[in-house]
PDB file of N, CA and C in Angstrom:
ATOM      1  N   MET A   1       7.904  -1.414   3.181  1.00  0.00           N
ATOM      2  CA  MET A   1       6.770  -0.407   2.864  1.00  0.00           C
ATOM      3  C   MET A   1       5.504  -1.119   3.210  1.00  0.00           C
ATOM      4  N   TRP A   2       4.291  -1.280   4.544  1.00  0.00           N
ATOM      5  CA  TRP A   2       3.791  -1.731   4.960  1.00  0.00           C
ATOM      6  C   TRP A   2       2.434  -1.133   4.759  1.00  0.00           C
ATOM      7  N   GLU A   3       1.500  -1.095   4.063  1.00  0.00           N
ATOM      8  CA  GLU A   3      -0.234  -0.369   3.874  1.00  0.00           C
ATOM      9  C   GLU A   3      -0.951  -0.892   3.364  1.00  0.00           C
ATOM     10  N   THR A   4      -2.281  -0.771   4.222  1.00  0.00           N
ATOM     11  CA  THR A   4      -3.753  -0.939   4.348  1.00  0.00           C
ATOM     12  C   THR A   4      -4.280  -0.299   4.037  1.00  0.00           C
ATOM     13  N   TYR A   5      -5.803  -0.721   3.246  1.00  0.00           N
ATOM     14  CA  TYR A   5      -6.386   0.119   2.292  1.00  0.00           C
ATOM     15  C   TYR A   5      -8.459   0.352   3.169  1.00  0.00           C
ATOM     16  N   PHE A   6      -8.768   0.387   2.909  1.00  0.00           N
ATOM     17  CA  PHE A   6     -10.086   0.436   3.627  1.00  0.00           C
ATOM     18  C   PHE A   6     -10.412   0.356   2.645  1.00  0.00           C
ATOM     19  N   LYS A   7     -12.157   0.087   3.289  1.00  0.00           N
ATOM     20  CA  LYS A   7     -13.119  -1.223   1.763  1.00  0.00           C
ATOM     21  C   LYS A   7     -13.008   0.241   0.786  1.00  0.00           C
ATOM     22  N   ASN A   8     -13.255   1.111   0.642  1.00  0.00           N
ATOM     23  CA  ASN A   8     -13.285   2.408  -0.214  1.00  0.00           C
ATOM     24  C   ASN A   8     -12.260   2.853  -1.594  1.00  0.00           C
ATOM     25  N   GLY A   9     -10.998   1.840  -1.297  1.00  0.00           N
ATOM     26  CA  GLY A   9      -9.914   1.558  -1.596  1.00  0.00           C
ATOM     27  C   GLY A   9      -8.987   2.277  -1.309  1.00  0.00           C
ATOM     28  N   LEU A  10      -9.216   3.568  -0.540  1.00  0.00           N
ATOM     29  CA  LEU A  10      -8.245   4.797  -0.010  1.00  0.00           C
ATOM     30  C   LEU A  10      -7.224   4.212   0.989  1.00  0.00           C
ATOM     31  N   LEU A  11      -6.540   4.560   0.968  1.00  0.00           N
ATOM     32  CA  LEU A  11      -5.204   4.798   2.072  1.00  0.00           C
ATOM     33  C   LEU A  11      -5.446   4.835   3.323  1.00  0.00           C
ATOM     34  N   GLU A  12      -5.162   3.628   4.839  1.00  0.00           N
ATOM     35  CA  GLU A  12      -5.773   3.790   5.627  1.00  0.00           C
ATOM     36  C   GLU A  12      -4.575   3.528   6.849  1.00  0.00           C
ATOM     37  N   ASN A  13      -3.529   3.198   6.508  1.00  0.00           N
ATOM     38  CA  ASN A  13      -2.063   3.116   7.494  1.00  0.00           C
ATOM     39  C   ASN A  13      -0.940   3.152   6.203  1.00  0.00           C
ATOM     40  N   LYS A  14       0.213   4.067   6.479  1.00  0.00           N
ATOM     41  CA  LYS A  14       1.429   3.236   5.656  1.00  0.00           C
ATOM     42  C   LYS A  14       2.396   3.492   6.937  1.00  0.00           C
ATOM     43  N   ALA A  15       3.025   2.212   7.128  1.00  0.00           N
ATOM     44  CA  ALA A  15       4.155   2.086   8.023  1.00  0.00           C
ATOM     45  C   ALA A  15       5.283   1.335   7.420  1.00  0.00           C
ATOM     46  N   ASN A  16       6.616   1.743   7.869  1.00  0.00           N
ATOM     47  CA  ASN A  16       7.821   0.852   7.530  1.00  0.00           C
ATOM     48  C   ASN A  16       8.728   0.273   8.953  1.00  0.00           C
ATOM     49  N   TYR A  17       9.206  -1.562   8.693  1.00  0.00           N
ATOM     50  CA  TYR A  17       8.719  -2.314   9.619  1.00  0.00           C
ATOM     51  C   TYR A  17      10.934  -2.771   9.140  1.00  0.00           C
ATOM     52  N   ARG A  18      11.772  -3.074  10.592  1.00  0.00           N
ATOM     53  CA  ARG A  18      12.934  -3.881  10.662  1.00  0.00           C
ATOM     54  C   ARG A  18      12.570  -4.116  11.931  1.00  0.00           C
ATOM     55  N   ASP A  19      12.412  -5.952  11.349  1.00  0.00           N
ATOM     56  CA  ASP A  19      12.837  -6.791  12.480  1.00  0.00           C
ATOM     57  C   ASP A  19      12.252  -6.553  13.163  1.00  0.00           C
ATOM     58  N   GLY A  20      11.042  -6.840  13.039  1.00  0.00           N
ATOM     59  CA  GLY A  20       9.163  -6.929  13.165  1.00  0.00           C
ATOM     60  C   GLY A  20       9.242  -5.500  13.825  1.00  0.00           C
ATOM     61  N   LYS A  21       9.563  -4.167  13.841  1.00  0.00           N
ATOM     62  CA  LYS A  21       9.467  -3.155  14.885  1.00  0.00           C
ATOM     63  C   LYS A  21       9.269  -2.092  13.851  1.00  0.00           C
ATOM     64  N   ASN A  22       8.156  -1.078  14.254  1.00  0.00           N
ATOM     65  CA  ASN A  22       8.378   0.533  13.713  1.00  0.00           C
ATOM     66  C   ASN A  22      10.063   0.743  13.466  1.00  0.00           C
ATOM     67  N   ASP A  23       9.887   1.042  12.309  1.00  0.00           N
ATOM     68  CA  ASP A  23      11.298   1.652  11.859  1.00  0.00           C
ATOM     69  C   ASP A  23      11.004   2.666  11.382  1.00  0.00           C
ATOM     70  N   GLY A  24      11.073   4.047  10.999  1.00  0.00           N
ATOM     71  CA  GLY A  24      10.641   5.025   9.673  1.00  0.00           C
ATOM     72  C   GLY A  24       9.641   6.022   9.734  1.00  0.00           C
ATOM     73  N   THR A  25       8.873   6.722   8.818  1.00  0.00           N
ATOM     74  CA  THR A  25       7.559   7.009   8.910  1.00  0.00           C
ATOM     75  C   THR A  25       6.372   6.258   8.683  1.00  0.00           C
ATOM     76  N   TRP A  26       5.473   7.120   9.525  1.00  0.00           N
ATOM     77  CA  TRP A  26       4.267   6.154  10.197  1.00  0.00           C
ATOM     78  C   TRP A  26       3.065   6.722   9.773  1.00  0.00           C
ATOM     79  N   GLU A  27       2.396   7.006   8.763  1.00  0.00           N
ATOM     80  CA  GLU A  27       1.250   7.450   8.479  1.00  0.00           C
ATOM     81  C   GLU A  27      -0.299   6.792   8.979  1.00  0.00           C
ATOM     82  N   VAL A  28      -1.451   7.901   9.303  1.00  0.00           N
ATOM     83  CA  VAL A  28      -2.798   7.235   9.577  1.00  0.00           C
ATOM     84  C   VAL A  28      -3.666   7.756   8.523  1.00  0.00           C
ATOM     85  N   TYR A  29      -4.428   7.429   7.728  1.00  0.00           N
ATOM     86  CA  TYR A  29      -5.873   7.976   7.287  1.00  0.00           C
ATOM     87  C   TYR A  29      -7.010   8.234   7.809  1.00  0.00           C
ATOM     88  N   SER A  30      -7.610   9.153   7.440  1.00  0.00           N
ATOM     89  CA  SER A  30      -9.111   8.743   7.478  1.00  0.00           C
ATOM     90  C   SER A  30      -9.660   7.773   6.683  1.00  0.00           C
ATOM     91  N   TYR A  31     -11.384   7.526   6.993  1.00  0.00           N
ATOM     92  CA  TYR A  31     -11.244   7.301   6.311  1.00  0.00           C
ATOM     93  C   TYR A  31     -12.138   8.399   4.579  1.00  0.00           C
ATOM     94  N   ASP A  32     -11.917   9.196   4.661  1.00  0.00           N
ATOM     95  CA  ASP A  32     -12.140  10.250   3.709  1.00  0.00           C
ATOM     96  C   ASP A  32     -10.658  10.378   2.748  1.00  0.00           C
ATOM     97  N   GLY A  33      -9.529   9.877   3.205  1.00  0.00           N
ATOM     98  CA  GLY A  33      -8.897  10.240   2.791  1.00  0.00           C
ATOM     99  C   GLY A  33      -7.269  11.029   3.836  1.00  0.00           C
ATOM    100  N   SER A  34      -7.963  11.474   4.310  1.00  0.00           N
ATOM    101  CA  SER A  34      -7.330  13.090   4.971  1.00  0.00           C
ATOM    102  C   SER A  34      -5.995  12.174   5.773  1.00  0.00           C
ATOM    103  N   LEU A  35      -4.968  12.873   5.521  1.00  0.00           N
ATOM    104  CA  LEU A  35      -3.316  12.158   6.519  1.00  0.00           C
ATOM    105  C   LEU A  35      -4.113  13.283   7.960  1.00  0.00           C
ATOM    106  N   SER A  36      -4.671  11.956   9.307  1.00  0.00           N
ATOM    107  CA  SER A  36      -5.055  12.196  10.276  1.00  0.00           C
ATOM    108  C   SER A  36      -3.034  11.871  11.586  1.00  0.00           C
ATOM    109  N   VAL A  37      -2.576  11.950  11.260  1.00  0.00           N
ATOM    110  CA  VAL A  37      -0.949  11.068  11.729  1.00  0.00           C
ATOM    111  C   VAL A  37      -0.107  11.016  11.113  1.00  0.00           C
ATOM    112  N   LYS A  38       1.341  12.148  11.350  1.00  0.00           N
ATOM    113  CA  LYS A  38       2.432  11.152  10.881  1.00  0.00           C
ATOM    114  C   LYS A  38       3.276  11.679  11.633  1.00  0.00           C
ATOM    115  N   GLY A  39       4.341  10.995  11.974  1.00  0.00           N
ATOM    116  CA  GLY A  39       5.637  10.064  12.675  1.00  0.00           C
ATOM    117  C   GLY A  39       6.475   9.982  12.106  1.00  0.00           C
ATOM    118  N   ILE A  40       7.373   9.635  13.232  1.00  0.00           N
ATOM    119  CA  ILE A  40       8.395   8.652  12.984  1.00  0.00           C
ATOM    120  C   ILE A  40       8.847   7.865  14.261  1.00  0.00           C
ATOM    121  N   PHE A  41       9.027   6.604  13.952  1.00  0.00           N
ATOM    122  CA  PHE A  41       9.559   5.661  15.178  1.00  0.00           C
ATOM    123  C   PHE A  41      10.753   5.413  14.858  1.00  0.00           C
ATOM    124  N   LYS A  42      11.528   5.331  15.485  1.00  0.00           N
ATOM    125  CA  LYS A  42      12.884   4.555  15.631  1.00  0.00           C
ATOM    126  C   LYS A  42      12.516   3.667  16.425  1.00  0.00           C
ATOM    127  N   ASP A  43      13.283   2.217  16.006  1.00  0.00           N
ATOM    128  CA  ASP A  43      13.575   0.992  16.778  1.00  0.00           C
ATOM    129  C   ASP A  43      12.110   0.858  17.452  1.00  0.00           C
ATOM    130  N   GLY A  44      10.963   0.558  16.624  1.00  0.00           N
ATOM    131  CA  GLY A  44       9.933   0.317  17.886  1.00  0.00           C
ATOM    132  C   GLY A  44       9.343   1.849  18.693  1.00  0.00           C
ATOM    133  N   LYS A  45      10.474   2.737  18.777  1.00  0.00           N
ATOM    134  CA  LYS A  45       9.820   4.231  20.070  1.00  0.00           C
ATOM    135  C   LYS A  45      10.026   4.909  18.953  1.00  0.00           C
ATOM    136  N   LYS A  46       8.545   5.928  19.356  1.00  0.00           N
ATOM    137  CA  LYS A  46       7.860   7.183  18.651  1.00  0.00           C
ATOM    138  C   LYS A  46       9.238   8.075  19.325  1.00  0.00           C
ATOM    139  N   ASP A  47      10.101   8.984  18.072  1.00  0.00           N
ATOM    140  CA  ASP A  47      11.500   9.283  17.888  1.00  0.00           C
ATOM    141  C   ASP A  47      11.021  10.321  16.666  1.00  0.00           C
ATOM    142  N   GLY A  48      11.566  12.028  16.988  1.00  0.00           N
ATOM    143  CA  GLY A  48      11.011  13.180  16.055  1.00  0.00           C
ATOM    144  C   GLY A  48      10.081  13.815  16.613  1.00  0.00           C
ATOM    145  N   LEU A  49       9.670  14.926  15.267  1.00  0.00           N
ATOM    146  CA  LEU A  49       8.200  15.287  15.355  1.00  0.00           C
ATOM    147  C   LEU A  49       7.295  14.311  15.153  1.00  0.00           C
ATOM    148  N   TRP A  50       6.179  14.590  15.520  1.00  0.00           N
ATOM    149  CA  TRP A  50       4.550  14.476  15.216  1.00  0.00           C
ATOM    150  C   TRP A  50       3.387  14.490  15.015  1.00  0.00           C
ATOM    151  N   LYS A  51       3.226  14.967  14.272  1.00  0.00           N
ATOM    152  CA  LYS A  51       1.364  15.348  13.705  1.00  0.00           C
ATOM    153  C   LYS A  51      -0.040  14.645  13.949  1.00  0.00           C
ATOM    154  N   THR A  52      -0.768  15.551  14.349  1.00  0.00           N
ATOM    155  CA  THR A  52      -2.117  15.174  14.541  1.00  0.00           C
ATOM    156  C   THR A  52      -2.630  16.301  13.377  1.00  0.00           C
ATOM    157  N   PHE A  53      -4.050  15.306  12.525  1.00  0.00           N
ATOM    158  CA  PHE A  53      -4.476  16.902  11.726  1.00  0.00           C
ATOM    159  C   PHE A  53      -6.033  16.722  12.054  1.00  0.00           C
ATOM    160  N   PHE A  54      -6.637  17.649  11.739  1.00  0.00           N
ATOM    161  CA  PHE A  54      -8.094  17.950  12.326  1.00  0.00           C
ATOM    162  C   PHE A  54      -8.825  17.106  10.258  1.00  0.00           C
ATOM    163  N   GLN A  55      -9.578  16.396  10.517  1.00  0.00           N
ATOM    164  CA  GLN A  55     -10.193  16.303   8.763  1.00  0.00           C
ATOM    165  C   GLN A  55     -10.122  17.414   8.160  1.00  0.00           C
ATOM    166  N   ASN A  56      -9.966  18.819   8.358  1.00  0.00           N
ATOM    167  CA  ASN A  56     -10.631  19.910   7.440  1.00  0.00           C
ATOM    168  C   ASN A  56      -8.443  19.966   6.999  1.00  0.00           C
ATOM    169  N   GLY A  57      -7.786  19.441   7.648  1.00  0.00           N
ATOM    170  CA  GLY A  57      -6.956  19.880   6.860  1.00  0.00           C
ATOM    171  C   GLY A  57      -5.609  20.691   7.534  1.00  0.00           C
ATOM    172  N   GLN A  58      -5.771  20.763   8.943  1.00  0.00           N
ATOM    173  CA  GLN A  58      -5.335  21.666   9.726  1.00  0.00           C
ATOM    174  C   GLN A  58      -4.182  21.149  11.111  1.00  0.00           C
ATOM    175  N   VAL A  59      -3.036  21.756  11.212  1.00  0.00           N
ATOM    176  CA  VAL A  59      -2.767  20.732  12.008  1.00  0.00           C
ATOM    177  C   VAL A  59      -3.415  20.703  13.613  1.00  0.00           C
ATOM    178  N   GLU A  60      -3.939  19.634  14.261  1.00  0.00           N
ATOM    179  CA  GLU A  60      -4.144  19.606  15.222  1.00  0.00           C
ATOM    180  C   GLU A  60      -3.084  19.965  17.005  1.00  0.00           C
ATOM    181  N   SER A  61      -2.010  18.848  16.460  1.00  0.00           N
ATOM    182  CA  SER A  61      -1.160  18.870  17.489  1.00  0.00           C
ATOM    183  C   SER A  61       0.430  19.154  16.553  1.00  0.00           C
ATOM    184  N   LYS A  62       1.679  19.542  17.925  1.00  0.00           N
ATOM    185  CA  LYS A  62       2.831  19.026  17.242  1.00  0.00           C
ATOM    186  C   LYS A  62       3.707  19.158  18.742  1.00  0.00           C
ATOM    187  N   GLU A  63       3.770  17.420  18.117  1.00  0.00           N
ATOM    188  CA  GLU A  63       4.680  16.658  19.390  1.00  0.00           C
ATOM    189  C   GLU A  63       5.996  16.088  18.763  1.00  0.00           C
ATOM    190  N   THR A  64       6.853  16.181  20.730  1.00  0.00           N
ATOM    191  CA  THR A  64       8.238  15.684  19.956  1.00  0.00           C
ATOM    192  C   THR A  64       8.645  14.745  20.882  1.00  0.00           C
ATOM    193  N   TYR A  65       9.604  13.455  20.709  1.00  0.00           N
ATOM    194  CA  TYR A  65       9.511  12.737  20.986  1.00  0.00           C
ATOM    195  C   TYR A  65      10.952  12.564  21.077  1.00  0.00           C
ATOM    196  N   LYS A  66      12.065  11.544  21.789  1.00  0.00           N
ATOM    197  CA  LYS A  66      12.902  10.993  21.871  1.00  0.00           C
ATOM    198  C   LYS A  66      13.087   9.710  23.339  1.00  0.00           C
ATOM    199  N   ASP A  67      13.343   8.617  22.214  1.00  0.00           N
ATOM    200  CA  ASP A  67      13.306   7.049  22.542  1.00  0.00           C
ATOM    201  C   ASP A  67      12.457   7.109  23.168  1.00  0.00           C
ATOM    202  N   GLY A  68      11.212   7.275  22.300  1.00  0.00           N
ATOM    203  CA  GLY A  68       8.998   6.657  22.734  1.00  0.00           C
ATOM    204  C   GLY A  68       8.697   7.568  24.086  1.00  0.00           C
ATOM    205  N   LYS A  69      10.280   8.683  24.770  1.00  0.00           N
ATOM    206  CA  LYS A  69       9.776   9.787  25.572  1.00  0.00           C
ATOM    207  C   LYS A  69       9.155  11.301  25.094  1.00  0.00           C
ATOM    208  N   ARG A  70       8.122  11.873  25.962  1.00  0.00           N
ATOM    209  CA  ARG A  70       8.011  13.228  25.187  1.00  0.00           C
ATOM    210  C   ARG A  70       8.921  13.931  25.003  1.00  0.00           C
ATOM    211  N   VAL A  71       9.468  14.752  25.138  1.00  0.00           N
ATOM    212  CA  VAL A  71      10.216  15.385  25.123  1.00  0.00           C
ATOM    213  C   VAL A  71      10.120  17.381  24.043  1.00  0.00           C
ATOM    214  N   GLY A  72      10.589  18.169  25.448  1.00  0.00           N
ATOM    215  CA  GLY A  72      10.477  19.205  24.231  1.00  0.00           C
ATOM    216  C   GLY A  72       8.712  20.287  23.938  1.00  0.00           C
ATOM    217  N   PHE A  73       8.996  20.867  22.713  1.00  0.00           N
ATOM    218  CA  PHE A  73       7.838  22.147  23.984  1.00  0.00           C
ATOM    219  C   PHE A  73       6.322  21.023  22.180  1.00  0.00           C
ATOM    220  N   TRP A  74       5.589  21.259  22.676  1.00  0.00           N
ATOM    221  CA  TRP A  74       4.154  21.066  22.487  1.00  0.00           C
ATOM    222  C   TRP A  74       3.130  21.446  21.826  1.00  0.00           C
ATOM    223  N   GLU A  75       2.597  21.681  20.756  1.00  0.00           N
ATOM    224  CA  GLU A  75       1.256  22.795  20.449  1.00  0.00           C
ATOM    225  C   GLU A  75       0.302  22.248  19.850  1.00  0.00           C
ATOM    226  N   TYR A  76      -0.345  22.633  20.910  1.00  0.00           N
ATOM    227  CA  TYR A  76      -2.419  21.906  20.238  1.00  0.00           C
ATOM    228  C   TYR A  76      -2.877  23.205  19.607  1.00  0.00           C
ATOM    229  N   TYR A  77      -4.278  22.764  18.556  1.00  0.00           N
ATOM    230  CA  TYR A  77      -4.798  23.823  17.830  1.00  0.00           C
ATOM    231  C   TYR A  77      -6.312  23.262  17.464  1.00  0.00           C
ATOM    232  N   TYR A  78      -6.645  24.717  17.838  1.00  0.00           N
ATOM    233  CA  TYR A  78      -7.955  24.764  17.256  1.00  0.00           C
ATOM    234  C   TYR A  78      -8.169  24.364  15.948  1.00  0.00           C
ATOM    235  N   LYS A  79      -9.726  23.824  16.039  1.00  0.00           N
ATOM    236  CA  LYS A  79      -9.950  23.965  13.873  1.00  0.00           C
ATOM    237  C   LYS A  79      -9.885  24.744  13.103  1.00  0.00           C
ATOM    238  N   ASN A  80      -9.521  26.487  13.641  1.00  0.00           N
ATOM    239  CA  ASN A  80     -10.030  27.300  13.122  1.00  0.00           C
ATOM    240  C   ASN A  80      -7.897  27.134  13.138  1.00  0.00           C
ATOM    241  N   GLY A  81      -7.007  26.700  13.539  1.00  0.00           N
ATOM    242  CA  GLY A  81      -6.136  26.886  13.227  1.00  0.00           C
ATOM    243  C   GLY A  81      -5.049  27.924  14.677  1.00  0.00           C
ATOM    244  N   LYS A  82      -5.601  28.385  15.470  1.00  0.00           N
ATOM    245  CA  LYS A  82      -5.242  28.943  16.422  1.00  0.00           C
ATOM    246  C   LYS A  82      -4.518  28.296  17.572  1.00  0.00           C
ATOM    247  N   LEU A  83      -3.376  28.581  17.964  1.00  0.00           N
ATOM    248  CA  LEU A  83      -3.414  27.871  18.785  1.00  0.00           C
ATOM    249  C   LEU A  83      -4.352  27.695  20.262  1.00  0.00           C
ATOM    250  N   TRP A  84      -4.313  26.761  20.978  1.00  0.00           N
ATOM    251  CA  TRP A  84      -4.623  26.151  21.513  1.00  0.00           C
ATOM    252  C   TRP A  84      -3.635  26.730  22.502  1.00  0.00           C
ATOM    253  N   LYS A  85      -2.826  24.938  23.446  1.00  0.00           N
ATOM    254  CA  LYS A  85      -2.189  25.156  24.622  1.00  0.00           C
ATOM    255  C   LYS A  85      -0.522  24.760  24.127  1.00  0.00           C
ATOM    256  N   GLN A  86       0.581  25.151  24.998  1.00  0.00           N
ATOM    257  CA  GLN A  86       2.144  25.257  24.257  1.00  0.00           C
ATOM    258  C   GLN A  86       1.482  24.244  25.821  1.00  0.00           C
ATOM    259  N   GLN A  87       2.563  23.257  25.386  1.00  0.00           N
ATOM    260  CA  GLN A  87       3.075  22.115  26.912  1.00  0.00           C
ATOM    261  C   GLN A  87       4.570  21.971  26.528  1.00  0.00           C
ATOM    262  N   THR A  88       5.278  21.774  27.666  1.00  0.00           N
ATOM    263  CA  THR A  88       7.052  21.445  27.652  1.00  0.00           C
ATOM    264  C   THR A  88       6.968  20.002  28.197  1.00  0.00           C
ATOM    265  N   TYR A  89       7.959  19.502  28.127  1.00  0.00           N
ATOM    266  CA  TYR A  89       9.007  17.995  28.178  1.00  0.00           C
ATOM    267  C   TYR A  89       9.628  17.893  28.230  1.00  0.00           C
ATOM    268  N   THR A  90      10.091  17.538  29.733  1.00  0.00           N
ATOM    269  CA  THR A  90      11.468  17.413  30.178  1.00  0.00           C
ATOM    270  C   THR A  90      11.484  15.560  30.096  1.00  0.00           C
ATOM    271  N   ASP A  91      12.053  14.576  29.156  1.00  0.00           N
ATOM    272  CA  ASP A  91      12.033  12.920  30.064  1.00  0.00           C
ATOM    273  C   ASP A  91      10.962  12.804  29.825  1.00  0.00           C
ATOM    274  N   GLY A  92       9.953  12.969  29.248  1.00  0.00           N
ATOM    275  CA  GLY A  92       8.429  12.837  29.853  1.00  0.00           C
ATOM    276  C   GLY A  92       7.791  12.717  30.885  1.00  0.00           C
ATOM    277  N   THR A  93       8.315  13.821  31.430  1.00  0.00           N
ATOM    278  CA  THR A  93       7.794  14.643  32.256  1.00  0.00           C
ATOM    279  C   THR A  93       7.235  15.977  31.909  1.00  0.00           C
ATOM    280  N   ASP A  94       5.486  16.275  32.571  1.00  0.00           N
ATOM    281  CA  ASP A  94       5.106  17.185  31.502  1.00  0.00           C
ATOM    282  C   ASP A  94       5.332  18.396  33.435  1.00  0.00           C
ATOM    283  N   GLY A  95       5.385  19.576  32.148  1.00  0.00           N
ATOM    284  CA  GLY A  95       6.425  20.201  32.407  1.00  0.00           C
ATOM    285  C   GLY A  95       5.407  21.716  32.196  1.00  0.00           C
ATOM    286  N   PHE A  96       5.608  23.035  32.008  1.00  0.00           N
ATOM    287  CA  PHE A  96       5.442  23.944  31.845  1.00  0.00           C
ATOM    288  C   PHE A  96       3.556  24.134  30.828  1.00  0.00           C
ATOM    289  N   GLU A  97       2.244  24.389  31.388  1.00  0.00           N
ATOM    290  CA  GLU A  97       1.551  24.296  30.170  1.00  0.00           C
ATOM    291  C   GLU A  97       0.567  25.581  29.624  1.00  0.00           C
ATOM    292  N   GLU A  98       0.763  26.566  29.039  1.00  0.00           N
ATOM    293  CA  GLU A  98      -0.302  27.433  29.110  1.00  0.00           C
ATOM    294  C   GLU A  98      -1.223  28.184  27.948  1.00  0.00           C
ATOM    295  N   LYS A  99      -2.658  28.125  27.828  1.00  0.00           N
ATOM    296  CA  LYS A  99      -3.984  27.988  27.305  1.00  0.00           C
ATOM    297  C   LYS A  99      -3.922  29.575  26.498  1.00  0.00           C
ATOM    298  N   TYR A 100      -4.442  29.185  25.576  1.00  0.00           N
ATOM    299  CA  TYR A 100      -5.158  30.713  25.128  1.00  0.00           C
ATOM    300  C   TYR A 100      -6.519  30.118  24.075  1.00  0.00           C
ATOM    301  N   ASN A 101      -7.173  31.772  24.563  1.00  0.00           N
ATOM    302  CA  ASN A 101      -8.308  31.677  24.269  1.00  0.00           C
ATOM    303  C   ASN A 101      -8.391  31.370  22.293  1.00  0.00           C
ATOM    304  N   ARG A 102     -10.128  30.843  22.141  1.00  0.00           N
ATOM    305  CA  ARG A 102     -10.109  30.825  20.241  1.00  0.00           C
ATOM    306  C   ARG A 102      -9.846  32.233  19.742  1.00  0.00           C
TER     307      ARG A 102
END
């Protein structure tokens, strides 16, 4: 496990590496200590569910990857937690997109 810290002493990044490549859980934090990004790498490529967060802790997006390519159903949210947009991907290619009002 590899960790870096801001000058204020709070955690900035937490990552796992294997053979010089990202492999395993990867987390990025904001200067205030709130979680900003969380996801998984497999052999240096994004794999599985990735989430981004607003500073208020609400989920900003949910994204799915397979072998580094965008796949499946992605969701994006407003800061208030309401759904903003849904999008689908197949083998890294954009598909259906639907947007919602606040």
